[in-house]
Amino acid sequence: MSLTVPNDLLDQARTGEIDDAAFVACVRDSLPYAWTLISELVRQREHSGADFADNQVPPPSEEARGQLLRCLASDSMRGALERHFGVRLAFQNCHRVAVFDPTATRALAEFVTPRAQILNQKPELVDC
């Protein structure tokens, strides 16, 4: 299961739409490793003023890796986090998540090219 959904949020979803704040809180509480990593990258990017900040360190456990994969593989979770933090997210391999300033379209376009994906490959990541 991707998320641990509180009963009140599940009831709200059954009767209509839920707001981003409630959904983002559910993601934060359900996927703490992914939340912490993305939050830290957002802070790094804001502090540096760079077009993007990215993570190059593999997750510390398979549980953490699973959280990151579930978070970034979901269009709804990814979109909610992008809106919440005011960034664009991109993902390579099993751990290289990057947060981009929304105006950094060229840097994002370069990050998501097949060339960038190939250059990011490492033997130790074959089974990630």
N, C-alpha and C. Protein backbone atom coordinates (compact mmCIF):
# COMPACT_ATOMS: atom_id res chain seq x y z
N MET A 1 0.84 -1.17 0.00
CA MET A 1 0.00 0.00 0.00
C MET A 1 0.89 1.24 0.00
N SER A 2 0.55 2.20 -0.81
CA SER A 2 1.35 3.42 -0.92
C SER A 2 1.18 4.36 0.26
N LEU A 3 -0.06 4.54 0.71
CA LEU A 3 -0.35 5.52 1.75
C LEU A 3 -1.13 4.90 2.90
N THR A 4 -0.90 5.41 4.08
CA THR A 4 -1.72 5.08 5.23
C THR A 4 -2.73 6.21 5.34
N VAL A 5 -3.97 5.91 5.01
CA VAL A 5 -5.00 6.95 4.90
C VAL A 5 -5.86 6.98 6.15
N PRO A 6 -5.90 8.12 6.84
CA PRO A 6 -6.76 8.25 8.01
C PRO A 6 -8.23 8.09 7.61
N ASN A 7 -9.03 7.57 8.52
CA ASN A 7 -10.44 7.33 8.22
C ASN A 7 -11.19 8.59 7.79
N ASP A 8 -10.91 9.72 8.42
CA ASP A 8 -11.61 10.95 8.05
C ASP A 8 -11.28 11.38 6.62
N LEU A 9 -10.03 11.16 6.19
CA LEU A 9 -9.65 11.50 4.82
C LEU A 9 -10.30 10.53 3.83
N LEU A 10 -10.37 9.27 4.20
CA LEU A 10 -11.04 8.28 3.36
C LEU A 10 -12.53 8.62 3.22
N ASP A 11 -13.17 8.99 4.31
CA ASP A 11 -14.58 9.39 4.26
C ASP A 11 -14.77 10.61 3.38
N GLN A 12 -13.85 11.57 3.52
CA GLN A 12 -13.93 12.78 2.70
C GLN A 12 -13.80 12.43 1.21
N ALA A 13 -12.89 11.54 0.87
CA ALA A 13 -12.69 11.14 -0.52
C ALA A 13 -13.92 10.42 -1.07
N ARG A 14 -14.60 9.66 -0.23
CA ARG A 14 -15.79 8.94 -0.67
C ARG A 14 -16.95 9.88 -1.00
N THR A 15 -16.97 11.03 -0.34
CA THR A 15 -18.09 11.94 -0.54
C THR A 15 -17.78 13.08 -1.50
N GLY A 16 -16.56 13.22 -1.90
CA GLY A 16 -16.20 14.29 -2.82
C GLY A 16 -14.70 14.47 -2.89
N GLU A 17 -14.31 15.63 -3.35
CA GLU A 17 -12.89 15.94 -3.51
C GLU A 17 -12.22 16.20 -2.16
N ILE A 18 -10.92 15.97 -2.11
CA ILE A 18 -10.14 16.35 -0.93
C ILE A 18 -9.19 17.46 -1.36
N ASP A 19 -8.82 18.29 -0.40
CA ASP A 19 -7.92 19.39 -0.76
C ASP A 19 -6.47 18.93 -0.72
N ASP A 20 -5.64 19.71 -1.40
CA ASP A 20 -4.22 19.37 -1.48
C ASP A 20 -3.57 19.29 -0.11
N ALA A 21 -3.93 20.18 0.81
CA ALA A 21 -3.29 20.20 2.12
C ALA A 21 -3.50 18.87 2.85
N ALA A 22 -4.71 18.35 2.80
CA ALA A 22 -5.00 17.07 3.46
C ALA A 22 -4.25 15.93 2.77
N PHE A 23 -4.20 15.96 1.45
CA PHE A 23 -3.50 14.92 0.71
C PHE A 23 -1.99 14.99 0.98
N VAL A 24 -1.44 16.20 0.96
CA VAL A 24 0.00 16.37 1.22
C VAL A 24 0.33 15.88 2.63
N ALA A 25 -0.52 16.16 3.60
CA ALA A 25 -0.28 15.69 4.97
C ALA A 25 -0.28 14.16 5.02
N CYS A 26 -1.16 13.54 4.26
CA CYS A 26 -1.21 12.08 4.20
C CYS A 26 0.08 11.52 3.59
N VAL A 27 0.56 12.14 2.53
CA VAL A 27 1.82 11.72 1.90
C VAL A 27 2.97 11.91 2.90
N ARG A 28 3.02 13.06 3.54
CA ARG A 28 4.09 13.35 4.52
C ARG A 28 4.14 12.30 5.62
N ASP A 29 2.97 11.97 6.15
CA ASP A 29 2.90 11.03 7.27
C ASP A 29 3.13 9.58 6.83
N SER A 30 2.75 9.25 5.61
CA SER A 30 2.86 7.88 5.12
C SER A 30 4.24 7.55 4.56
N LEU A 31 4.90 8.54 4.00
CA LEU A 31 6.17 8.32 3.31
C LEU A 31 7.24 9.28 3.87
N PRO A 32 7.61 9.11 5.13
CA PRO A 32 8.50 10.08 5.77
C PRO A 32 9.88 10.21 5.12
N TYR A 33 10.44 9.12 4.62
CA TYR A 33 11.75 9.24 3.98
C TYR A 33 11.64 10.10 2.72
N ALA A 34 10.67 9.82 1.88
CA ALA A 34 10.49 10.59 0.65
C ALA A 34 10.23 12.06 0.98
N TRP A 35 9.36 12.29 1.96
CA TRP A 35 9.03 13.66 2.36
C TRP A 35 10.28 14.41 2.85
N THR A 36 11.04 13.78 3.72
CA THR A 36 12.23 14.42 4.27
C THR A 36 13.25 14.72 3.18
N LEU A 37 13.48 13.77 2.29
CA LEU A 37 14.44 13.96 1.22
C LEU A 37 14.02 15.11 0.30
N ILE A 38 12.79 15.11 -0.13
CA ILE A 38 12.31 16.17 -1.03
C ILE A 38 12.32 17.52 -0.32
N SER A 39 11.89 17.55 0.94
CA SER A 39 11.90 18.80 1.70
C SER A 39 13.31 19.38 1.81
N GLU A 40 14.28 18.51 2.07
CA GLU A 40 15.66 18.96 2.19
C GLU A 40 16.19 19.48 0.85
N LEU A 41 15.85 18.82 -0.23
CA LEU A 41 16.28 19.29 -1.55
C LEU A 41 15.66 20.64 -1.88
N VAL A 42 14.40 20.83 -1.49
CA VAL A 42 13.75 22.13 -1.70
C VAL A 42 14.52 23.21 -0.94
N ARG A 43 14.87 22.94 0.32
CA ARG A 43 15.63 23.91 1.12
C ARG A 43 17.00 24.19 0.48
N GLN A 44 17.67 23.14 0.02
CA GLN A 44 18.98 23.32 -0.61
C GLN A 44 18.88 24.20 -1.84
N ARG A 45 17.88 23.94 -2.68
CA ARG A 45 17.72 24.71 -3.91
C ARG A 45 17.39 26.17 -3.59
N GLU A 46 16.51 26.38 -2.63
CA GLU A 46 16.16 27.76 -2.26
C GLU A 46 17.37 28.49 -1.70
N HIS A 47 18.14 27.82 -0.86
CA HIS A 47 19.32 28.44 -0.24
C HIS A 47 20.39 28.78 -1.28
N SER A 48 20.60 27.87 -2.22
CA SER A 48 21.65 28.08 -3.22
C SER A 48 21.22 29.01 -4.35
N GLY A 49 19.92 29.06 -4.60
CA GLY A 49 19.44 29.85 -5.73
C GLY A 49 19.69 29.18 -7.07
N ALA A 50 20.17 27.94 -7.05
CA ALA A 50 20.46 27.20 -8.28
C ALA A 50 19.17 26.79 -8.98
N ASP A 51 19.29 26.41 -10.23
CA ASP A 51 18.13 25.94 -10.99
C ASP A 51 17.54 24.69 -10.37
N PHE A 52 18.42 23.83 -9.80
CA PHE A 52 17.93 22.60 -9.19
C PHE A 52 18.88 22.10 -8.12
N ALA A 53 18.34 21.20 -7.29
CA ALA A 53 19.13 20.46 -6.31
C ALA A 53 18.73 19.00 -6.47
N ASP A 54 19.71 18.12 -6.37
CA ASP A 54 19.40 16.70 -6.56
C ASP A 54 20.10 15.84 -5.53
N ASN A 55 19.57 14.65 -5.35
CA ASN A 55 20.11 13.67 -4.42
C ASN A 55 20.93 12.64 -5.18
N GLN A 56 22.14 12.37 -4.72
CA GLN A 56 23.00 11.38 -5.37
C GLN A 56 23.26 10.17 -4.48
N VAL A 57 22.65 10.16 -3.31
CA VAL A 57 22.92 9.10 -2.32
C VAL A 57 21.78 8.09 -2.32
N PRO A 58 22.07 6.81 -2.53
CA PRO A 58 21.01 5.80 -2.49
C PRO A 58 20.32 5.79 -1.13
N PRO A 59 19.05 5.42 -1.10
CA PRO A 59 18.32 5.34 0.17
C PRO A 59 19.00 4.36 1.12
N PRO A 60 18.83 4.57 2.43
CA PRO A 60 19.51 3.75 3.41
C PRO A 60 18.93 2.34 3.55
N SER A 61 17.76 2.10 3.01
CA SER A 61 17.12 0.78 3.15
C SER A 61 16.16 0.56 1.99
N GLU A 62 15.73 -0.68 1.86
CA GLU A 62 14.72 -0.99 0.83
C GLU A 62 13.40 -0.33 1.14
N GLU A 63 13.07 -0.20 2.43
CA GLU A 63 11.84 0.49 2.81
C GLU A 63 11.87 1.95 2.35
N ALA A 64 13.00 2.61 2.57
CA ALA A 64 13.15 4.00 2.15
C ALA A 64 13.08 4.10 0.62
N ARG A 65 13.74 3.19 -0.06
CA ARG A 65 13.71 3.18 -1.53
C ARG A 65 12.27 3.01 -2.02
N GLY A 66 11.53 2.12 -1.39
CA GLY A 66 10.14 1.91 -1.76
C GLY A 66 9.30 3.15 -1.57
N GLN A 67 9.54 3.87 -0.49
CA GLN A 67 8.80 5.11 -0.25
C GLN A 67 9.05 6.11 -1.37
N LEU A 68 10.31 6.26 -1.74
CA LEU A 68 10.66 7.22 -2.78
C LEU A 68 10.05 6.81 -4.12
N LEU A 69 10.16 5.53 -4.44
CA LEU A 69 9.58 5.05 -5.70
C LEU A 69 8.07 5.25 -5.74
N ARG A 70 7.38 4.90 -4.66
CA ARG A 70 5.92 5.06 -4.62
C ARG A 70 5.53 6.52 -4.74
N CYS A 71 6.24 7.38 -4.07
CA CYS A 71 5.92 8.80 -4.09
C CYS A 71 6.08 9.39 -5.49
N LEU A 72 7.18 9.10 -6.12
CA LEU A 72 7.47 9.72 -7.41
C LEU A 72 6.82 9.01 -8.59
N ALA A 73 6.37 7.78 -8.40
CA ALA A 73 5.69 7.06 -9.47
C ALA A 73 4.21 7.44 -9.56
N SER A 74 3.71 8.09 -8.55
CA SER A 74 2.30 8.48 -8.52
C SER A 74 2.13 9.90 -9.06
N ASP A 75 1.37 10.04 -10.13
CA ASP A 75 1.12 11.37 -10.67
C ASP A 75 0.44 12.27 -9.64
N SER A 76 -0.51 11.72 -8.88
CA SER A 76 -1.22 12.55 -7.91
C SER A 76 -0.31 12.99 -6.77
N MET A 77 0.53 12.10 -6.26
CA MET A 77 1.45 12.48 -5.17
C MET A 77 2.49 13.47 -5.69
N ARG A 78 3.07 13.16 -6.83
CA ARG A 78 4.09 14.03 -7.38
C ARG A 78 3.52 15.42 -7.64
N GLY A 79 2.35 15.47 -8.25
CA GLY A 79 1.72 16.77 -8.53
C GLY A 79 1.39 17.56 -7.28
N ALA A 80 0.90 16.88 -6.26
CA ALA A 80 0.57 17.57 -5.01
C ALA A 80 1.83 18.14 -4.36
N LEU A 81 2.92 17.37 -4.38
CA LEU A 81 4.17 17.86 -3.81
C LEU A 81 4.74 19.02 -4.62
N GLU A 82 4.63 18.95 -5.93
CA GLU A 82 5.10 20.06 -6.76
C GLU A 82 4.32 21.33 -6.44
N ARG A 83 3.02 21.22 -6.31
CA ARG A 83 2.20 22.40 -5.96
C ARG A 83 2.53 22.89 -4.56
N HIS A 84 2.67 21.97 -3.62
CA HIS A 84 2.95 22.35 -2.23
C HIS A 84 4.27 23.10 -2.10
N PHE A 85 5.32 22.58 -2.72
CA PHE A 85 6.64 23.17 -2.59
C PHE A 85 6.94 24.23 -3.66
N GLY A 86 6.11 24.32 -4.69
CA GLY A 86 6.35 25.29 -5.76
C GLY A 86 7.55 24.94 -6.61
N VAL A 87 7.73 23.64 -6.88
CA VAL A 87 8.87 23.16 -7.67
C VAL A 87 8.37 22.19 -8.73
N ARG A 88 9.28 21.79 -9.58
CA ARG A 88 9.08 20.66 -10.47
C ARG A 88 9.98 19.54 -9.98
N LEU A 89 9.48 18.32 -10.00
CA LEU A 89 10.25 17.15 -9.57
C LEU A 89 10.64 16.33 -10.78
N ALA A 90 11.82 15.75 -10.72
CA ALA A 90 12.27 14.81 -11.75
C ALA A 90 12.97 13.66 -11.03
N PHE A 91 13.07 12.53 -11.72
CA PHE A 91 13.54 11.31 -11.07
C PHE A 91 14.33 10.45 -12.04
N GLN A 92 15.48 9.95 -11.57
CA GLN A 92 16.28 8.99 -12.33
C GLN A 92 16.64 7.84 -11.40
N ASN A 93 16.76 6.66 -11.98
CA ASN A 93 17.15 5.46 -11.24
C ASN A 93 16.23 5.24 -10.06
N CYS A 94 16.79 4.77 -8.97
CA CYS A 94 15.98 4.44 -7.80
C CYS A 94 16.12 5.47 -6.70
N HIS A 95 16.88 6.52 -6.94
CA HIS A 95 17.12 7.46 -5.86
C HIS A 95 17.41 8.89 -6.28
N ARG A 96 17.75 9.13 -7.51
CA ARG A 96 18.17 10.47 -7.89
C ARG A 96 16.96 11.34 -8.19
N VAL A 97 16.42 11.90 -7.15
CA VAL A 97 15.32 12.84 -7.28
C VAL A 97 15.92 14.24 -7.33
N ALA A 98 15.31 15.09 -8.12
CA ALA A 98 15.76 16.48 -8.23
C ALA A 98 14.57 17.41 -8.13
N VAL A 99 14.78 18.54 -7.49
CA VAL A 99 13.76 19.58 -7.42
C VAL A 99 14.26 20.76 -8.24
N PHE A 100 13.39 21.26 -9.10
CA PHE A 100 13.74 22.34 -10.02
C PHE A 100 12.90 23.57 -9.75
N ASP A 101 13.53 24.72 -9.88
CA ASP A 101 12.77 25.95 -9.93
C ASP A 101 11.82 25.82 -11.12
N PRO A 102 10.56 26.20 -10.98
CA PRO A 102 9.62 26.03 -12.09
C PRO A 102 10.02 26.76 -13.37
N THR A 103 10.85 27.79 -13.24
CA THR A 103 11.28 28.53 -14.44
C THR A 103 12.52 27.93 -15.09
N ALA A 104 13.12 26.92 -14.47
CA ALA A 104 14.36 26.32 -14.99
C ALA A 104 14.03 25.24 -16.01
N THR A 105 13.33 25.62 -17.05
CA THR A 105 12.86 24.63 -18.03
C THR A 105 14.01 23.98 -18.80
N ARG A 106 15.06 24.73 -19.07
CA ARG A 106 16.19 24.15 -19.80
C ARG A 106 16.92 23.11 -18.94
N ALA A 107 17.16 23.43 -17.67
CA ALA A 107 17.84 22.48 -16.78
C ALA A 107 17.00 21.21 -16.61
N LEU A 108 15.70 21.37 -16.45
CA LEU A 108 14.81 20.22 -16.34
C LEU A 108 14.84 19.39 -17.62
N ALA A 109 14.75 20.04 -18.75
CA ALA A 109 14.77 19.33 -20.03
C ALA A 109 16.06 18.53 -20.20
N GLU A 110 17.17 19.08 -19.76
CA GLU A 110 18.45 18.36 -19.86
C GLU A 110 18.50 17.19 -18.89
N PHE A 111 17.94 17.35 -17.69
CA PHE A 111 17.95 16.30 -16.68
C PHE A 111 17.16 15.07 -17.11
N VAL A 112 16.11 15.27 -17.87
CA VAL A 112 15.22 14.15 -18.24
C VAL A 112 15.50 13.57 -19.62
N THR A 113 16.64 13.89 -20.21
CA THR A 113 16.97 13.33 -21.52
C THR A 113 17.45 11.89 -21.38
N PRO A 114 17.32 11.10 -22.44
CA PRO A 114 17.91 9.76 -22.42
C PRO A 114 19.42 9.81 -22.15
N ARG A 115 20.11 10.82 -22.68
CA ARG A 115 21.55 10.96 -22.45
C ARG A 115 21.85 11.09 -20.96
N ALA A 116 21.10 11.95 -20.27
CA ALA A 116 21.31 12.13 -18.83
C ALA A 116 21.04 10.84 -18.07
N GLN A 117 20.02 10.11 -18.49
CA GLN A 117 19.70 8.85 -17.82
C GLN A 117 20.85 7.85 -18.01
N ILE A 118 21.37 7.74 -19.22
CA ILE A 118 22.47 6.83 -19.49
C ILE A 118 23.71 7.23 -18.70
N LEU A 119 24.02 8.51 -18.66
CA LEU A 119 25.20 8.96 -17.93
C LEU A 119 25.06 8.78 -16.43
N ASN A 120 23.86 8.64 -15.93
CA ASN A 120 23.62 8.45 -14.50
C ASN A 120 23.70 6.98 -14.08
N GLN A 121 23.92 6.08 -15.01
CA GLN A 121 23.96 4.65 -14.69
C GLN A 121 25.28 4.29 -14.02
N LYS A 122 25.17 3.42 -13.02
CA LYS A 122 26.34 2.92 -12.30
C LYS A 122 26.12 1.44 -12.05
N PRO A 123 27.16 0.64 -12.08
CA PRO A 123 26.99 -0.81 -11.86
C PRO A 123 26.28 -1.14 -10.57
N GLU A 124 26.53 -0.38 -9.50
CA GLU A 124 25.89 -0.70 -8.23
C GLU A 124 24.39 -0.38 -8.22
N LEU A 125 23.90 0.28 -9.25
CA LEU A 125 22.47 0.61 -9.32
C LEU A 125 21.69 -0.32 -10.23
N VAL A 126 22.31 -1.33 -10.76
CA VAL A 126 21.63 -2.24 -11.68
C VAL A 126 20.41 -2.87 -11.05
N ASP A 127 20.48 -3.18 -9.78
CA ASP A 127 19.39 -3.90 -9.12
C ASP A 127 18.57 -3.00 -8.20
N CYS A 128 18.58 -1.71 -8.44
CA CYS A 128 17.86 -0.83 -7.53
C CYS A 128 16.40 -0.69 -7.93
